[in-house]
Amino acid sequence: MDPTATIPDRMPPDQFLAFMTGFTDRYMRGLRFLSSGRPASGGTAADLRLRVESRTVEAEDVVSLRLARTHGGPLPAWQPGCHLDVVLPSGLRRQYSLCGDPADRSSYRIAVRRLPSGGGGSVEIHQLQPGSMLTVRGPRNAFPFVAAESVLLVAGGIGITPMLSMAWEAARRGLDWRMVYAGRSRDSMPFLAELENLDATRVFVRPDDEYGLPVADDVLKSAVAGGSIYCCGPAPLLSLVRAGFADTGARQLHFERFAAPPVIDGQPLEVELRRSGQVVSVPADRSVLAAIRDVRPAVAYSCQQGFCGTCKVKVLSGAIDHRDRRLTDAQRAAGEMLICVSRGENLVVDL
């Protein structure tokens, strides 16, 4: 695909994100071909074995890890919004945004908030120490930064991680950028000092314990007509940004979720797990993945948004309602399904 192709002007946010996911995957494959002299295999780079070079406590329950090659040397290039697929020592696979300056290829930095009630990945990350070895795949980009002359970055909590790399890039390009950074309290918000050093005049730090819960105007009033808005954070923040977007005059809205999206237009269904014979009931407001995890906690998953492919299963029978942004027509015809977002009727899966 020609990387100079025209990008849609005012797509609805979900359609635009889907478009850019495919656009970026194809564009990055082209870049890897140009830099290596041979076609890249698949949609991501090869696996890398990286060493935890350092571990830093960035805020309450937030640590960052710097990952580097054991014997040094530059890592594959990346762009703002990129993430890594990280295979943890337990075998869990999780995705973490790269945060920091994309021009620094000596190491990758990820930051993770510890969630004791989550799926276990964040707790395991927090136990890693310098010298630990990790397998990573990527970088991959499902949240590309398409620079505009004026950019508003809206971050909530650990959603600062992709926003931080966008701020570095915007500053390097000399863009007219602003950031609104919300969180529970300053103690819970990582990278405050780094943002201040980058350009304190462009960053508005808005802790809830100082300002109260935000409304749309609190985070969007600095948006510029004709510019772009990027947002990453918890569901309530995304909801108020999407609700207030039309009143800003901004041209495009781009966002990334850090949790599974709500199920829209879901119908209750049952899924048979062929290997055990268990039949799992899936309520209308839950994903197939969430219901299966109740009885099979070790089932593989990562993004929970239908683009990484980790939760792919083979459907042996039944009608599939595909809602992902990852599978090809051939994979769908072969009965493959991403259970984090897709649904169906009378499903029998190879689990």
Protein backbone atom coordinates (compact mmCIF):
# COMPACT_ATOMS: atom_id res chain seq x y z
CA MET A 1 0.00 0.00 0.00
CA ASP A 2 1.24 3.47 -0.84
CA PRO A 3 2.15 5.16 2.48
CA THR A 4 1.18 8.53 1.00
CA ALA A 5 -2.42 7.40 0.38
CA THR A 6 -5.09 9.80 1.57
CA ILE A 7 -6.34 9.12 5.09
CA PRO A 8 -10.11 9.54 5.67
CA ASP A 9 -11.10 12.95 6.90
CA ARG A 10 -13.89 12.51 9.43
CA MET A 11 -14.44 8.78 10.00
CA PRO A 12 -16.26 7.81 13.19
CA PRO A 13 -13.57 7.01 15.79
CA ASP A 14 -14.02 3.22 15.81
CA GLN A 15 -13.92 3.02 12.01
CA PHE A 16 -10.92 5.30 11.86
CA LEU A 17 -8.99 3.18 14.38
CA ALA A 18 -9.77 0.06 12.41
CA PHE A 19 -8.61 1.74 9.19
CA MET A 20 -5.38 2.94 10.75
CA THR A 21 -4.65 -0.47 12.30
CA GLY A 22 -4.65 -2.06 8.86
CA PHE A 23 -2.90 0.91 7.26
CA THR A 24 -0.09 0.86 9.82
CA ASP A 25 0.45 -2.91 9.68
CA ARG A 26 0.87 -2.73 5.89
CA TYR A 27 2.98 0.42 6.04
CA MET A 28 5.32 -1.03 8.69
CA ARG A 29 5.79 -4.21 6.68
CA GLY A 30 6.90 -1.98 3.81
CA LEU A 31 9.33 -0.10 6.04
CA ARG A 32 10.84 -3.35 7.30
CA PHE A 33 11.26 -4.50 3.70
CA LEU A 34 13.08 -1.28 2.76
CA SER A 35 15.39 -1.44 5.79
CA SER A 36 16.25 -5.15 5.55
CA GLY A 37 16.18 -5.77 1.81
CA ARG A 38 13.77 -8.68 2.22
CA PRO A 39 10.07 -9.02 2.98
CA ALA A 40 9.08 -9.21 6.62
CA SER A 41 7.21 -12.33 7.69
CA GLY A 42 3.81 -11.82 9.29
CA GLY A 43 2.52 -8.61 10.82
CA THR A 44 5.18 -8.19 13.52
CA ALA A 45 8.93 -8.40 13.93
CA ALA A 46 10.64 -11.60 15.07
CA ASP A 47 10.84 -12.57 18.73
CA LEU A 48 13.54 -10.83 20.75
CA ARG A 49 15.11 -12.02 23.99
CA LEU A 50 15.70 -8.92 26.08
CA ARG A 51 17.19 -8.37 29.51
CA VAL A 52 15.56 -6.22 32.19
CA GLU A 53 18.21 -3.53 32.42
CA SER A 54 16.57 -1.49 35.18
CA ARG A 55 13.41 -1.32 37.27
CA THR A 56 12.06 2.02 38.53
CA VAL A 57 9.14 2.80 40.81
CA GLU A 58 7.38 5.62 38.93
CA ALA A 59 4.32 6.15 41.17
CA GLU A 60 2.08 4.28 43.58
CA ASP A 61 1.73 0.73 42.22
CA VAL A 62 3.50 1.69 38.96
CA VAL A 63 6.91 0.38 37.91
CA SER A 64 8.78 0.87 34.66
CA LEU A 65 11.18 -1.62 33.14
CA ARG A 66 13.93 -0.85 30.64
CA LEU A 67 14.57 -3.76 28.29
CA ALA A 68 17.78 -4.06 26.28
CA ARG A 69 19.79 -6.56 24.27
CA THR A 70 22.09 -8.66 26.45
CA HIS A 71 25.19 -7.53 24.55
CA GLY A 72 23.99 -4.04 23.65
CA GLY A 73 23.17 -2.70 20.22
CA PRO A 74 20.19 -0.79 18.81
CA LEU A 75 16.70 -2.23 18.97
CA PRO A 76 14.20 -2.16 16.08
CA ALA A 77 12.77 1.30 15.42
CA TRP A 78 9.36 2.20 16.77
CA GLN A 79 6.82 4.99 16.51
CA PRO A 80 4.56 6.69 19.08
CA GLY A 81 1.64 4.46 20.01
CA CYS A 82 3.59 1.21 19.52
CA HIS A 83 3.32 -1.65 21.98
CA LEU A 84 5.22 -4.84 22.68
CA ASP A 85 3.79 -8.31 23.05
CA VAL A 86 5.57 -9.52 26.18
CA VAL A 87 5.79 -13.21 27.08
CA LEU A 88 6.17 -13.42 30.85
CA PRO A 89 8.15 -16.19 32.59
CA SER A 90 4.85 -17.91 33.50
CA GLY A 91 3.88 -18.09 29.83
CA LEU A 92 1.27 -15.32 30.06
CA ARG A 93 1.31 -12.99 27.06
CA ARG A 94 0.50 -9.33 27.66
CA GLN A 95 0.74 -6.10 25.65
CA TYR A 96 2.38 -2.98 27.03
CA SER A 97 2.78 0.41 25.36
CA LEU A 98 6.28 1.71 24.77
CA CYS A 99 6.78 4.96 26.64
CA GLY A 100 9.56 7.46 26.23
CA ASP A 101 11.50 8.95 23.37
CA PRO A 102 11.08 6.95 20.12
CA ALA A 103 14.50 8.23 18.99
CA ASP A 104 16.18 6.25 21.79
CA ARG A 105 16.82 2.77 20.39
CA SER A 106 19.24 1.64 23.11
CA SER A 107 16.37 0.19 25.17
CA TYR A 108 12.61 -0.18 25.31
CA ARG A 109 10.69 1.12 28.31
CA ILE A 110 7.33 -0.13 29.49
CA ALA A 111 5.35 0.93 32.57
CA VAL A 112 2.75 -1.19 34.34
CA ARG A 113 0.28 -0.48 37.11
CA ARG A 114 -0.14 -3.35 39.56
CA LEU A 115 -3.70 -4.71 39.54
CA PRO A 116 -4.02 -7.48 42.15
CA SER A 117 -7.53 -8.34 40.94
CA GLY A 118 -6.50 -8.52 37.27
CA GLY A 119 -5.35 -11.47 35.21
CA GLY A 120 -1.98 -11.83 36.92
CA GLY A 121 0.24 -10.18 34.32
CA SER A 122 0.78 -6.91 36.19
CA VAL A 123 1.60 -8.70 39.44
CA GLU A 124 4.20 -10.81 37.64
CA ILE A 125 5.74 -7.76 35.95
CA HIS A 126 6.14 -6.09 39.34
CA GLN A 127 8.10 -9.09 40.62
CA LEU A 128 10.72 -8.89 37.85
CA GLN A 129 14.15 -7.59 38.76
CA PRO A 130 17.17 -6.38 36.74
CA GLY A 131 18.75 -9.34 35.02
CA SER A 132 15.45 -11.10 34.29
CA MET A 133 15.03 -12.23 30.69
CA LEU A 134 11.85 -11.70 28.66
CA THR A 135 10.73 -12.68 25.18
CA VAL A 136 9.04 -9.84 23.32
CA ARG A 137 7.54 -9.49 19.88
CA GLY A 138 7.09 -6.22 18.06
CA PRO A 139 6.99 -3.29 18.17
CA ARG A 140 3.49 -3.20 16.71
CA ASN A 141 1.21 -0.21 16.31
CA ALA A 142 -2.56 -0.21 16.75
CA PHE A 143 -2.62 3.43 17.89
CA PRO A 144 -0.58 5.37 15.31
CA PHE A 145 0.31 9.01 15.77
CA VAL A 146 -0.66 10.81 12.56
CA ALA A 147 0.77 14.22 13.34
CA ALA A 148 -1.34 17.31 12.79
CA GLU A 149 -0.28 20.91 13.18
CA SER A 150 -2.25 21.18 16.45
CA VAL A 151 -2.56 18.19 18.77
CA LEU A 152 -4.30 17.68 22.11
CA LEU A 153 -3.16 14.64 24.10
CA VAL A 154 -5.55 13.44 26.84
CA ALA A 155 -4.19 10.85 29.27
CA GLY A 156 -5.81 9.17 32.24
CA GLY A 157 -3.75 7.26 34.78
CA ILE A 158 -1.55 4.58 33.23
CA GLY A 159 -2.93 5.74 29.86
CA ILE A 160 -0.03 8.19 29.97
CA THR A 161 2.26 5.52 28.49
CA PRO A 162 1.44 5.94 24.76
CA MET A 163 0.74 9.66 25.28
CA LEU A 164 4.27 10.21 26.60
CA SER A 165 5.88 8.98 23.37
CA MET A 166 3.50 11.18 21.37
CA ALA A 167 4.53 14.21 23.45
CA TRP A 168 8.21 13.48 22.75
CA GLU A 169 7.51 13.19 19.03
CA ALA A 170 5.31 16.30 18.90
CA ALA A 171 8.02 18.31 20.65
CA ARG A 172 10.68 17.03 18.25
CA ARG A 173 8.58 18.00 15.22
CA GLY A 174 7.80 21.45 16.59
CA LEU A 175 4.04 20.85 16.61
CA ASP A 176 1.57 22.97 18.54
CA TRP A 177 0.76 20.35 21.17
CA ARG A 178 -0.94 20.34 24.55
CA MET A 179 -1.54 17.60 27.10
CA VAL A 180 -4.19 17.15 29.77
CA TYR A 181 -3.14 14.46 32.24
CA ALA A 182 -5.79 13.24 34.71
CA GLY A 183 -5.49 10.80 37.59
CA ARG A 184 -6.59 10.05 41.13
CA SER A 185 -3.73 11.95 42.79
CA ARG A 186 -0.24 13.15 41.92
CA ASP A 187 1.24 10.25 43.86
CA SER A 188 -0.57 7.81 41.56
CA MET A 189 0.50 9.52 38.30
CA PRO A 190 3.78 8.36 36.73
CA PHE A 191 6.23 10.48 34.70
CA LEU A 192 5.22 13.89 36.07
CA ALA A 193 8.84 15.02 36.36
CA GLU A 194 9.64 13.82 32.83
CA LEU A 195 6.71 15.76 31.40
CA GLU A 196 7.73 18.87 33.30
CA ASN A 197 11.23 18.62 31.89
CA LEU A 198 9.88 18.05 28.38
CA ASP A 199 7.77 21.24 28.45
CA ALA A 200 5.85 22.13 31.60
CA THR A 201 4.03 25.00 29.84
CA ARG A 202 2.20 22.55 27.57
CA VAL A 203 1.08 20.03 30.20
CA PHE A 204 -1.92 20.50 32.52
CA VAL A 205 -1.80 17.96 35.35
CA ARG A 206 -5.32 17.44 36.74
CA PRO A 207 -5.57 15.11 39.77
CA ASP A 208 -9.11 14.30 40.92
CA ASP A 209 -8.27 14.97 44.56
CA GLU A 210 -7.38 18.57 43.68
CA TYR A 211 -9.97 19.40 40.99
CA GLY A 212 -12.77 16.85 41.39
CA LEU A 213 -13.94 14.46 38.70
CA PRO A 214 -13.55 16.02 35.23
CA VAL A 215 -16.26 16.90 32.74
CA ALA A 216 -15.72 17.18 29.00
CA ASP A 217 -14.80 20.88 28.99
CA ASP A 218 -12.13 20.31 31.67
CA VAL A 219 -10.09 18.10 29.35
CA LEU A 220 -11.10 19.42 25.92
CA LYS A 221 -11.12 23.21 26.28
CA SER A 222 -7.59 23.51 24.85
CA ALA A 223 -8.47 21.56 21.68
CA VAL A 224 -7.90 23.58 18.51
CA ALA A 225 -10.43 23.68 15.66
CA GLY A 226 -9.11 21.63 12.78
CA GLY A 227 -6.60 19.81 14.98
CA SER A 228 -6.43 16.26 16.33
CA ILE A 229 -7.21 14.75 19.71
CA TYR A 230 -5.58 11.60 21.07
CA CYS A 231 -6.90 9.94 24.21
CA CYS A 232 -5.92 6.92 26.28
CA GLY A 233 -7.24 6.04 29.71
CA PRO A 234 -10.13 4.47 31.64
CA ALA A 235 -13.59 4.05 30.16
CA PRO A 236 -15.19 7.09 31.89
CA LEU A 237 -12.53 9.40 30.45
CA LEU A 238 -12.95 7.97 26.95
CA SER A 239 -16.71 8.38 27.21
CA LEU A 240 -16.61 12.05 28.14
CA VAL A 241 -14.01 12.80 25.44
CA ARG A 242 -16.10 11.08 22.78
CA ALA A 243 -19.23 12.87 23.99
CA GLY A 244 -17.56 16.28 23.90
CA PHE A 245 -15.55 15.84 20.70
CA ALA A 246 -18.16 17.32 18.34
CA ASP A 247 -18.16 20.62 20.25
CA THR A 248 -14.39 21.14 19.99
CA GLY A 249 -14.16 21.79 16.24
CA ALA A 250 -11.24 19.34 16.13
CA ARG A 251 -10.94 17.36 12.93
CA GLN A 252 -10.03 13.87 14.18
CA LEU A 253 -10.30 11.81 17.35
CA HIS A 254 -8.02 8.84 18.00
CA PHE A 255 -8.21 6.74 21.14
CA GLU A 256 -6.99 3.53 22.74
CA ARG A 257 -8.64 1.55 25.51
CA PHE A 258 -6.75 0.00 28.39
CA ALA A 259 -9.61 -2.38 29.18
CA ALA A 260 -12.12 -4.48 27.32
CA PRO A 261 -14.81 -2.40 25.57
CA PRO A 262 -18.43 -2.92 26.61
CA VAL A 263 -20.39 -5.54 24.67
CA ILE A 264 -22.74 -3.83 22.23
CA ASP A 265 -25.87 -5.55 20.88
CA GLY A 266 -24.92 -8.81 22.56
CA GLN A 267 -27.22 -11.80 22.73
CA PRO A 268 -26.87 -14.59 25.28
CA LEU A 269 -25.28 -17.74 23.91
CA GLU A 270 -23.76 -21.05 24.92
CA VAL A 271 -20.30 -22.30 23.99
CA GLU A 272 -19.23 -25.93 24.23
CA LEU A 273 -15.57 -26.57 25.05
CA ARG A 274 -15.00 -29.71 23.00
CA ARG A 275 -11.98 -31.10 24.88
CA SER A 276 -13.72 -31.11 28.28
CA GLY A 277 -17.33 -31.21 27.18
CA GLN A 278 -18.15 -28.20 29.36
CA VAL A 279 -20.92 -25.91 28.19
CA VAL A 280 -20.35 -22.25 29.12
CA SER A 281 -23.25 -19.79 29.29
CA VAL A 282 -22.35 -16.31 28.01
CA PRO A 283 -24.68 -13.49 29.14
CA ALA A 284 -25.60 -10.73 26.70
CA ASP A 285 -23.34 -8.20 28.44
CA ARG A 286 -20.19 -10.35 28.75
CA SER A 287 -17.63 -11.48 26.20
CA VAL A 288 -17.10 -15.12 25.30
CA LEU A 289 -13.55 -14.77 26.63
CA ALA A 290 -14.73 -13.49 30.02
CA ALA A 291 -17.22 -16.33 30.41
CA ILE A 292 -14.71 -18.99 29.40
CA ARG A 293 -12.13 -17.57 31.83
CA ASP A 294 -14.56 -18.34 34.68
CA VAL A 295 -13.98 -22.05 34.06
CA ARG A 296 -10.62 -21.93 32.24
CA PRO A 297 -8.57 -19.14 33.90
CA ALA A 298 -5.45 -20.04 31.91
CA VAL A 299 -7.02 -19.41 28.48
CA ALA A 300 -4.70 -17.18 26.43
CA TYR A 301 -5.66 -13.52 25.89
CA SER A 302 -4.09 -10.07 25.79
CA CYS A 303 -5.63 -6.95 24.22
CA GLN A 304 -9.34 -7.90 24.74
CA GLN A 305 -10.17 -5.56 21.83
CA GLY A 306 -9.95 -7.79 18.77
CA PHE A 307 -6.64 -6.77 17.22
CA CYS A 308 -3.78 -8.81 18.74
CA GLY A 309 -4.96 -12.34 17.91
CA THR A 310 -3.78 -13.96 21.16
CA CYS A 311 -7.23 -15.40 22.05
CA LYS A 312 -7.82 -16.98 18.64
CA VAL A 313 -9.62 -20.33 18.76
CA LYS A 314 -10.83 -22.85 16.21
CA VAL A 315 -14.62 -23.11 15.95
CA LEU A 316 -15.65 -26.67 15.13
CA SER A 317 -19.31 -25.85 14.53
CA GLY A 318 -21.77 -23.01 14.89
CA ALA A 319 -22.37 -19.58 13.33
CA ILE A 320 -19.76 -16.91 14.14
CA ASP A 321 -20.50 -13.19 14.44
CA HIS A 322 -17.02 -11.79 13.71
CA ARG A 323 -16.35 -8.46 15.43
CA ASP A 324 -12.55 -8.36 15.36
CA ARG A 325 -10.14 -6.20 13.35
CA ARG A 326 -7.48 -8.87 12.90
CA LEU A 327 -8.55 -12.03 11.08
CA THR A 328 -8.34 -12.31 7.32
CA ASP A 329 -11.22 -13.57 5.18
CA ALA A 330 -9.35 -16.87 4.79
CA GLN A 331 -8.96 -17.28 8.55
CA ARG A 332 -12.63 -16.55 9.10
CA ALA A 333 -13.60 -19.04 6.39
CA ALA A 334 -11.44 -21.62 8.17
CA GLY A 335 -13.47 -21.19 11.34
CA GLU A 336 -11.06 -19.10 13.38
CA MET A 337 -12.50 -16.68 15.94
CA LEU A 338 -11.26 -14.10 18.43
CA ILE A 339 -13.29 -14.80 21.54
CA CYS A 340 -12.51 -11.46 23.20
CA VAL A 341 -14.97 -9.59 20.94
CA SER A 342 -16.70 -11.99 18.54
CA ARG A 343 -19.86 -13.91 19.36
CA GLY A 344 -22.11 -16.43 17.61
CA GLU A 345 -24.72 -19.16 17.92
CA ASN A 346 -24.37 -22.82 18.91
CA LEU A 347 -20.61 -22.57 19.10
CA VAL A 348 -18.38 -25.57 19.68
CA VAL A 349 -14.73 -24.56 20.08
CA ASP A 350 -11.49 -26.52 20.23
CA LEU A 351 -10.68 -25.82 23.88
